[in-house]
Amino acid sequence: MTVNYGPYGSSLRDLPRLRRTRRRRASSWDRTGGNDDRLTLEPGQTATLANIEGAGSINHIWVTVANERMLRDPWMREPDYLRRLVLRAYWDGEAHPSIAVPLGDFFGVGHGRTTNFVSAPLQMSPEDGKGFNCFFHMPFAAGARLEITSELTDEKIFFYYYIDYEELDELEDGIGRFHAQWRRSNPCPGSERSSESNAEFLLTGTNLDGTGNYTILDATGHGHYVGCVLNIHNLRDTTEWNWYGEGDDMIFIDGEAWPPTLHGTGTEDYFNTAWCPTQSYHAPYHGITLPGGDNWSGQVSMYRFHIEDPVPFERSIRVSIEHGHANKRSDDYSSVAYWYQAEPHRPFTLDPVEQRVPRTR
């Protein structure tokens, strides 16, 4: 009997179905039999986390990480290390990575920060969100390679991990490859307030083409979009009402003209919350991990996963959202998009480290 990806689901109802796949793991366990169960990464070093031959599917990744001074000094030299560590993954011997994302952002929270939260595919677990978990399935037909790169300048990194996967005889046709991409606009190009009242500046104006929206994903090929993490640093310094949202989500599928088939009604609406939320909240498919400070100041991070409602595309997709109504706000936006598609994918790059580090809180 050939072992392939098969018709198995992930529900409790599917658990009694007997399987013939073979469970495997790559991890940082100490090969000497001691207790040094970690990688030690020097500044500028790249380490291979897994180099798997043949067909299979990764179904869980766990990571925890600390920089050298964090273990003895709360005023560590490089507190933005989660933006300076880069996770990359390559499927089937491809030349361009299908995952290229700063480590912390990949696991669901931006700004180089951690916090306890639970979603279906991504989680940050105690202590203080420093246990990272990913349950997105990542199938491959002819090998997988995962790497971590340190772009710190001064400090060593201590890196612990599990990569759990199933080994298959073959991967049948029709199975997409997992992709994740990080983007940033720092700041987004907005408008001057001029003589407008605060309400006019935040609530009025028109956007009749979507070209100035912040882009979360711009991909070509055949696949489906399965969600994003969006991070906003509110840069407007005012004591007046300073809600960062009102930006509509717009998802353009297969080159369609404006207005897109999927046109939303506001930032918090796309993330399945309501009425300018100020509270942390986490559900299986949507949530706010960092709600910002008073008057929505500072750093915000939120997620929306299309697990039950993926967005398919045959030729192309552009997932976008306004930065404030009619793109009038000039905040610092960054994001991770997650999607599956048939290869080859359009190659994408990652901004250099100096353009990734978060702003000071």
Protein backbone atom coordinates (compact mmCIF):
# COMPACT_ATOMS: atom_id res chain seq x y z
CA MET A 1 0.00 0.00 0.00
CA THR A 2 1.40 3.39 -1.02
CA VAL A 3 1.54 5.91 1.83
CA ASN A 4 0.60 9.39 0.63
CA TYR A 5 -1.02 12.53 2.04
CA GLY A 6 -4.38 10.79 2.02
CA PRO A 7 -7.91 11.87 2.94
CA TYR A 8 -7.19 12.43 6.63
CA GLY A 9 -8.65 15.46 8.36
CA SER A 10 -7.74 16.99 11.69
CA SER A 11 -11.05 16.78 13.56
CA LEU A 12 -11.83 14.64 16.58
CA ARG A 13 -14.06 12.59 14.30
CA ASP A 14 -11.04 11.69 12.12
CA LEU A 15 -8.83 10.48 14.96
CA PRO A 16 -10.15 6.87 14.98
CA ARG A 17 -9.22 6.48 11.28
CA LEU A 18 -6.13 4.26 11.20
CA ARG A 19 -3.15 5.67 9.33
CA ARG A 20 0.00 4.27 7.79
CA THR A 21 2.19 7.36 7.70
CA ARG A 22 5.47 7.36 9.64
CA ARG A 23 6.06 10.01 12.31
CA ARG A 24 9.48 11.65 12.35
CA ARG A 25 11.10 14.59 14.16
CA ALA A 26 14.04 16.95 13.73
CA SER A 27 15.00 18.71 16.98
CA SER A 28 17.83 20.40 18.86
CA TRP A 29 18.40 17.55 21.32
CA ASP A 30 21.97 17.16 22.65
CA ARG A 31 23.65 14.44 20.59
CA THR A 32 26.18 13.83 23.39
CA GLY A 33 23.41 12.69 25.72
CA GLY A 34 23.80 15.78 27.88
CA ASN A 35 21.38 18.60 28.60
CA ASP A 36 22.61 21.21 26.13
CA ASP A 37 19.47 20.69 23.99
CA ARG A 38 19.83 23.78 21.85
CA LEU A 39 21.61 25.44 18.99
CA THR A 40 23.90 28.34 19.79
CA LEU A 41 23.84 30.84 16.93
CA GLU A 42 26.60 33.40 16.53
CA PRO A 43 25.79 36.80 14.95
CA GLY A 44 25.53 36.34 11.19
CA GLN A 45 25.28 32.56 11.36
CA THR A 46 22.77 30.37 9.48
CA ALA A 47 21.88 26.92 10.82
CA THR A 48 19.91 24.15 9.13
CA LEU A 49 17.03 23.02 11.35
CA ALA A 50 15.87 20.17 9.13
CA ASN A 51 16.99 18.72 5.81
CA ILE A 52 14.44 16.05 4.92
CA GLU A 53 14.62 13.81 1.87
CA GLY A 54 11.67 12.39 -0.05
CA ALA A 55 7.99 13.14 0.48
CA GLY A 56 6.31 14.19 3.68
CA SER A 57 4.38 16.84 5.55
CA ILE A 58 5.44 18.97 8.52
CA ASN A 59 2.53 19.21 10.94
CA HIS A 60 3.98 20.95 14.00
CA ILE A 61 6.85 23.29 14.82
CA TRP A 62 7.79 24.32 18.37
CA VAL A 63 10.49 26.91 19.13
CA THR A 64 11.76 28.84 22.10
CA VAL A 65 14.65 31.26 21.89
CA ALA A 66 16.68 33.62 24.06
CA ASN A 67 19.46 36.04 23.32
CA GLU A 68 22.64 35.85 25.36
CA ARG A 69 22.12 38.76 27.75
CA MET A 70 18.40 38.07 28.26
CA LEU A 71 19.31 35.27 30.67
CA ARG A 72 21.15 37.65 33.02
CA ASP A 73 20.27 41.22 32.08
CA PRO A 74 16.72 42.60 31.51
CA TRP A 75 18.25 45.57 29.65
CA MET A 76 19.60 43.34 26.94
CA ARG A 77 21.63 44.88 24.15
CA GLU A 78 19.42 43.66 21.29
CA PRO A 79 15.83 43.43 22.55
CA ASP A 80 14.54 43.37 18.94
CA TYR A 81 16.14 39.96 18.32
CA LEU A 82 12.84 38.40 17.16
CA ARG A 83 12.95 40.68 14.10
CA ARG A 84 16.67 39.92 13.57
CA LEU A 85 16.12 36.15 13.40
CA VAL A 86 14.81 34.91 10.05
CA LEU A 87 13.03 31.61 9.40
CA ARG A 88 13.27 30.25 5.84
CA ALA A 89 11.83 27.09 4.30
CA TYR A 90 12.41 25.50 0.89
CA TRP A 91 10.25 22.74 -0.62
CA ASP A 92 11.29 20.21 -3.27
CA GLY A 93 14.73 21.68 -3.91
CA GLU A 94 13.45 25.11 -4.95
CA ALA A 95 15.94 27.95 -5.29
CA HIS A 96 13.72 30.63 -3.70
CA PRO A 97 12.26 30.14 -0.20
CA SER A 98 8.53 29.64 0.26
CA ILE A 99 8.84 30.99 3.82
CA ALA A 100 10.99 34.05 4.58
CA VAL A 101 9.73 35.75 7.75
CA PRO A 102 11.20 37.22 10.95
CA LEU A 103 10.83 34.54 13.60
CA GLY A 104 8.48 36.31 16.03
CA ASP A 105 6.17 37.58 13.30
CA PHE A 106 5.90 34.09 11.77
CA PHE A 107 4.45 32.75 15.02
CA GLY A 108 1.74 35.40 15.20
CA VAL A 109 2.84 38.57 17.02
CA GLY A 110 4.66 41.55 15.53
CA HIS A 111 6.94 44.34 16.77
CA GLY A 112 9.51 41.86 18.09
CA ARG A 113 7.25 41.12 21.06
CA THR A 114 5.70 38.05 22.67
CA THR A 115 2.47 37.53 24.57
CA ASN A 116 0.38 34.53 25.55
CA PHE A 117 -2.26 33.80 22.90
CA VAL A 118 -4.07 30.85 21.34
CA SER A 119 -5.30 30.42 17.78
CA ALA A 120 -5.89 27.25 15.78
CA PRO A 121 -2.71 27.34 13.64
CA LEU A 122 -0.41 29.56 15.75
CA GLN A 123 0.16 29.94 19.47
CA MET A 124 2.50 31.65 21.90
CA SER A 125 2.54 29.82 25.21
CA PRO A 126 3.85 30.60 28.70
CA GLU A 127 6.21 31.83 29.98
CA ASP A 128 5.03 35.24 28.66
CA GLY A 129 4.47 33.86 25.17
CA LYS A 130 8.01 32.55 24.73
CA GLY A 131 6.90 29.07 23.63
CA PHE A 132 6.12 29.35 19.88
CA ASN A 133 3.90 26.77 18.14
CA CYS A 134 2.79 26.38 14.52
CA PHE A 135 0.25 23.75 13.40
CA PHE A 136 0.00 24.74 9.73
CA HIS A 137 0.60 21.62 7.61
CA MET A 138 3.48 21.95 5.17
CA PRO A 139 3.59 19.11 2.59
CA PHE A 140 6.43 18.42 0.16
CA ALA A 141 7.10 15.85 -2.56
CA ALA A 142 10.90 15.77 -2.88
CA GLY A 143 12.49 17.19 0.23
CA ALA A 144 12.25 20.05 2.71
CA ARG A 145 14.90 22.32 4.18
CA LEU A 146 14.34 24.75 7.06
CA GLU A 147 16.92 27.30 8.18
CA ILE A 148 17.31 29.93 10.86
CA THR A 149 19.57 32.94 10.33
CA SER A 150 20.78 35.31 13.03
CA GLU A 151 21.18 38.91 11.91
CA LEU A 152 22.06 40.13 15.40
CA THR A 153 25.26 42.16 15.58
CA ASP A 154 26.47 41.52 19.14
CA GLU A 155 24.79 38.66 20.94
CA LYS A 156 24.58 34.91 20.66
CA ILE A 157 21.19 33.24 20.34
CA PHE A 158 20.11 30.08 22.17
CA PHE A 159 17.60 28.25 19.97
CA TYR A 160 15.53 25.19 20.95
CA TYR A 161 13.16 23.51 18.49
CA TYR A 162 11.05 20.54 17.39
CA ILE A 163 9.97 20.00 13.77
CA ASP A 164 7.44 17.15 13.69
CA TYR A 165 6.52 15.62 10.35
CA GLU A 166 5.04 12.62 8.59
CA GLU A 167 7.16 10.63 6.17
CA LEU A 168 5.29 9.57 3.01
CA ASP A 169 6.04 7.28 0.08
CA GLU A 170 4.77 9.94 -2.30
CA LEU A 171 2.79 13.16 -2.41
CA GLU A 172 -0.10 12.95 -4.82
CA ASP A 173 -1.08 15.70 -7.28
CA GLY A 174 -3.29 18.56 -6.18
CA ILE A 175 -1.50 19.33 -2.89
CA GLY A 176 -0.36 22.95 -2.52
CA ARG A 177 2.83 24.11 -0.88
CA PHE A 178 2.77 26.35 2.19
CA HIS A 179 4.05 29.92 1.88
CA ALA A 180 4.57 32.82 4.30
CA GLN A 181 5.79 36.32 3.44
CA TRP A 182 6.59 39.39 5.58
CA ARG A 183 6.01 42.94 4.37
CA ARG A 184 6.31 46.43 5.83
CA SER A 185 5.48 50.04 4.95
CA ASN A 186 7.19 52.34 7.44
CA PRO A 187 5.30 54.59 7.36
CA CYS A 188 2.41 54.18 4.96
CA PRO A 189 2.07 57.19 2.64
CA GLY A 190 -0.91 59.10 4.03
CA SER A 191 -2.38 62.60 3.71
CA GLU A 192 -1.83 65.88 5.52
CA ARG A 193 -4.68 66.90 7.81
CA SER A 194 -4.61 70.47 6.54
CA SER A 195 -7.71 72.41 7.62
CA GLU A 196 -9.86 69.32 8.24
CA SER A 197 -11.40 68.62 11.60
CA ASN A 198 -10.24 65.46 13.34
CA ALA A 199 -13.46 63.67 12.35
CA GLU A 200 -13.12 64.82 8.73
CA PHE A 201 -9.54 63.63 8.60
CA LEU A 202 -10.31 60.17 10.01
CA LEU A 203 -13.76 59.51 8.55
CA THR A 204 -14.15 61.29 5.21
CA GLY A 205 -12.65 60.97 1.74
CA THR A 206 -12.94 58.51 -1.13
CA ASN A 207 -10.97 55.55 -2.43
CA LEU A 208 -12.25 54.35 -5.81
CA ASP A 209 -9.43 52.12 -7.01
CA GLY A 210 -7.57 50.59 -4.02
CA THR A 211 -4.16 51.26 -5.55
CA GLY A 212 -2.86 53.08 -2.45
CA ASN A 213 -3.87 50.34 -0.04
CA TYR A 214 -1.33 48.52 2.10
CA THR A 215 -0.57 45.21 0.37
CA ILE A 216 -0.56 42.10 2.57
CA LEU A 217 -0.12 39.59 -0.27
CA ASP A 218 0.53 39.86 -4.01
CA ALA A 219 0.93 36.39 -5.52
CA THR A 220 0.55 34.69 -8.89
CA GLY A 221 -0.38 31.11 -9.70
CA HIS A 222 -3.08 28.75 -8.45
CA GLY A 223 -3.73 28.51 -4.73
CA HIS A 224 -5.65 29.83 -1.76
CA TYR A 225 -4.97 32.51 0.83
CA VAL A 226 -5.38 31.29 4.42
CA GLY A 227 -4.84 34.40 6.51
CA CYS A 228 -2.53 37.01 7.94
CA VAL A 229 -1.05 38.75 10.93
CA LEU A 230 -1.24 42.55 10.72
CA ASN A 231 0.84 44.87 12.91
CA ILE A 232 0.30 48.61 13.24
CA HIS A 233 2.39 51.14 15.14
CA ASN A 234 0.19 54.21 15.63
CA LEU A 235 2.40 57.17 14.74
CA ARG A 236 -0.11 59.98 15.16
CA ASP A 237 0.74 62.04 18.26
CA THR A 238 -2.49 63.65 19.41
CA THR A 239 -4.86 63.85 22.37
CA GLU A 240 -7.81 63.86 19.95
CA TRP A 241 -9.66 60.68 19.03
CA ASN A 242 -6.89 58.60 17.42
CA TRP A 243 -8.46 55.38 16.12
CA TYR A 244 -6.06 53.77 13.64
CA GLY A 245 -8.70 51.80 11.76
CA GLU A 246 -11.58 52.53 9.36
CA GLY A 247 -9.49 51.00 6.57
CA ASP A 248 -11.49 48.60 4.38
CA ASP A 249 -10.02 45.26 3.35
CA MET A 250 -10.03 44.64 -0.41
CA ILE A 251 -9.06 41.28 -1.93
CA PHE A 252 -8.56 41.30 -5.72
CA ILE A 253 -8.75 37.82 -7.29
CA ASP A 254 -7.42 36.88 -10.74
CA GLY A 255 -6.84 40.45 -11.85
CA GLU A 256 -10.37 41.70 -11.29
CA ALA A 257 -10.99 45.44 -11.55
CA TRP A 258 -12.16 47.67 -8.70
CA PRO A 259 -14.41 47.12 -6.82
CA PRO A 260 -13.15 43.66 -5.89
CA THR A 261 -15.56 40.83 -5.20
CA LEU A 262 -14.32 40.74 -1.60
CA HIS A 263 -14.65 44.31 -0.28
CA GLY A 264 -14.91 44.86 3.48
CA THR A 265 -16.16 47.60 5.78
CA GLY A 266 -13.30 48.40 8.16
CA THR A 267 -10.10 47.19 9.77
CA GLU A 268 -11.66 45.72 12.90
CA ASP A 269 -14.43 44.17 10.80
CA TYR A 270 -11.98 42.15 8.70
CA PHE A 271 -10.39 40.90 11.90
CA ASN A 272 -13.87 39.89 13.13
CA THR A 273 -14.01 42.37 16.03
CA ALA A 274 -16.09 45.53 16.35
CA TRP A 275 -16.37 49.13 17.46
CA CYS A 276 -12.73 50.22 17.72
CA PRO A 277 -11.60 47.46 20.09
CA THR A 278 -9.23 48.20 22.98
CA GLN A 279 -9.08 44.70 24.47
CA SER A 280 -6.91 41.66 23.91
CA TYR A 281 -8.84 38.69 22.52
CA HIS A 282 -7.90 35.39 20.93
CA ALA A 283 -10.14 32.86 19.20
CA PRO A 284 -9.29 29.96 16.86
CA TYR A 285 -9.43 32.06 13.69
CA HIS A 286 -9.22 35.73 14.73
CA GLY A 287 -7.93 37.90 17.53
CA ILE A 288 -6.06 40.90 18.87
CA THR A 289 -2.84 39.95 20.64
CA LEU A 290 -1.58 43.51 21.25
CA PRO A 291 -4.44 46.05 21.50
CA GLY A 292 -2.30 49.19 21.87
CA GLY A 293 -2.32 51.70 24.69
CA ASP A 294 -4.60 54.58 25.65
CA ASN A 295 -6.40 56.14 22.68
CA TRP A 296 -5.09 53.23 20.52
CA SER A 297 -1.53 54.48 20.90
CA GLY A 298 1.59 52.46 20.32
CA GLN A 299 1.79 48.94 18.95
CA VAL A 300 -1.10 46.78 17.78
CA SER A 301 -1.02 43.20 16.47
CA MET A 302 -3.95 41.09 15.24
CA TYR A 303 -4.68 38.00 13.18
CA ARG A 304 -7.32 36.57 10.85
CA PHE A 305 -7.03 32.98 9.59
CA HIS A 306 -9.19 31.68 6.74
CA ILE A 307 -9.18 28.06 7.89
CA GLU A 308 -12.89 27.42 7.29
CA ASP A 309 -13.12 30.01 4.50
CA PRO A 310 -9.92 30.02 2.40
CA VAL A 311 -9.81 32.45 -0.52
CA PRO A 312 -9.00 30.54 -3.74
CA PHE A 313 -7.36 32.07 -6.79
CA GLU A 314 -6.63 30.58 -10.22
CA ARG A 315 -4.09 33.09 -11.57
CA SER A 316 -3.36 35.80 -9.02
CA ILE A 317 -4.40 37.45 -5.77
CA ARG A 318 -3.79 40.81 -4.11
CA VAL A 319 -4.84 41.03 -0.47
CA SER A 320 -4.89 44.67 0.64
CA ILE A 321 -6.27 46.98 3.32
CA GLU A 322 -6.57 50.74 3.59
CA HIS A 323 -4.29 52.47 6.12
CA GLY A 324 -7.03 54.55 7.66
CA HIS A 325 -10.15 55.45 5.71
CA ALA A 326 -9.20 56.40 2.13
CA ASN A 327 -5.54 55.72 3.01
CA LYS A 328 -5.22 59.00 4.88
CA ARG A 329 -3.24 57.73 7.89
CA SER A 330 0.56 57.39 7.94
CA ASP A 331 1.17 54.63 10.46
CA ASP A 332 3.86 51.92 10.44
CA TYR A 333 2.30 48.74 8.97
CA SER A 334 3.83 45.28 8.78
CA SER A 335 2.31 41.88 8.11
CA VAL A 336 2.72 38.18 7.47
CA ALA A 337 0.57 36.52 4.79
CA TYR A 338 0.02 32.75 4.79
CA TRP A 339 -1.12 30.84 1.70
CA TYR A 340 -0.91 27.57 -0.24
CA GLN A 341 -0.24 27.37 -3.95
CA ALA A 342 1.10 25.22 -6.76
CA GLU A 343 4.74 25.84 -7.57
CA PRO A 344 6.48 27.75 -8.92
CA HIS A 345 5.61 30.79 -6.82
CA ARG A 346 6.61 34.35 -7.61
CA PRO A 347 9.95 34.85 -5.81
CA PHE A 348 9.91 37.38 -3.00
CA THR A 349 12.60 39.02 -0.90
CA LEU A 350 12.83 40.02 2.75
CA ASP A 351 13.71 43.58 3.73
CA PRO A 352 17.22 44.00 5.16
CA VAL A 353 17.50 43.87 8.93
CA GLU A 354 17.77 47.64 9.42
CA GLN A 355 14.37 48.01 7.71
CA ARG A 356 12.79 45.26 9.84
CA VAL A 357 13.63 46.34 13.38
CA PRO A 358 10.61 47.68 15.25
CA ARG A 359 10.24 51.24 16.40
CA THR A 360 10.99 51.97 20.03
CA ARG A 361 7.93 51.81 22.26
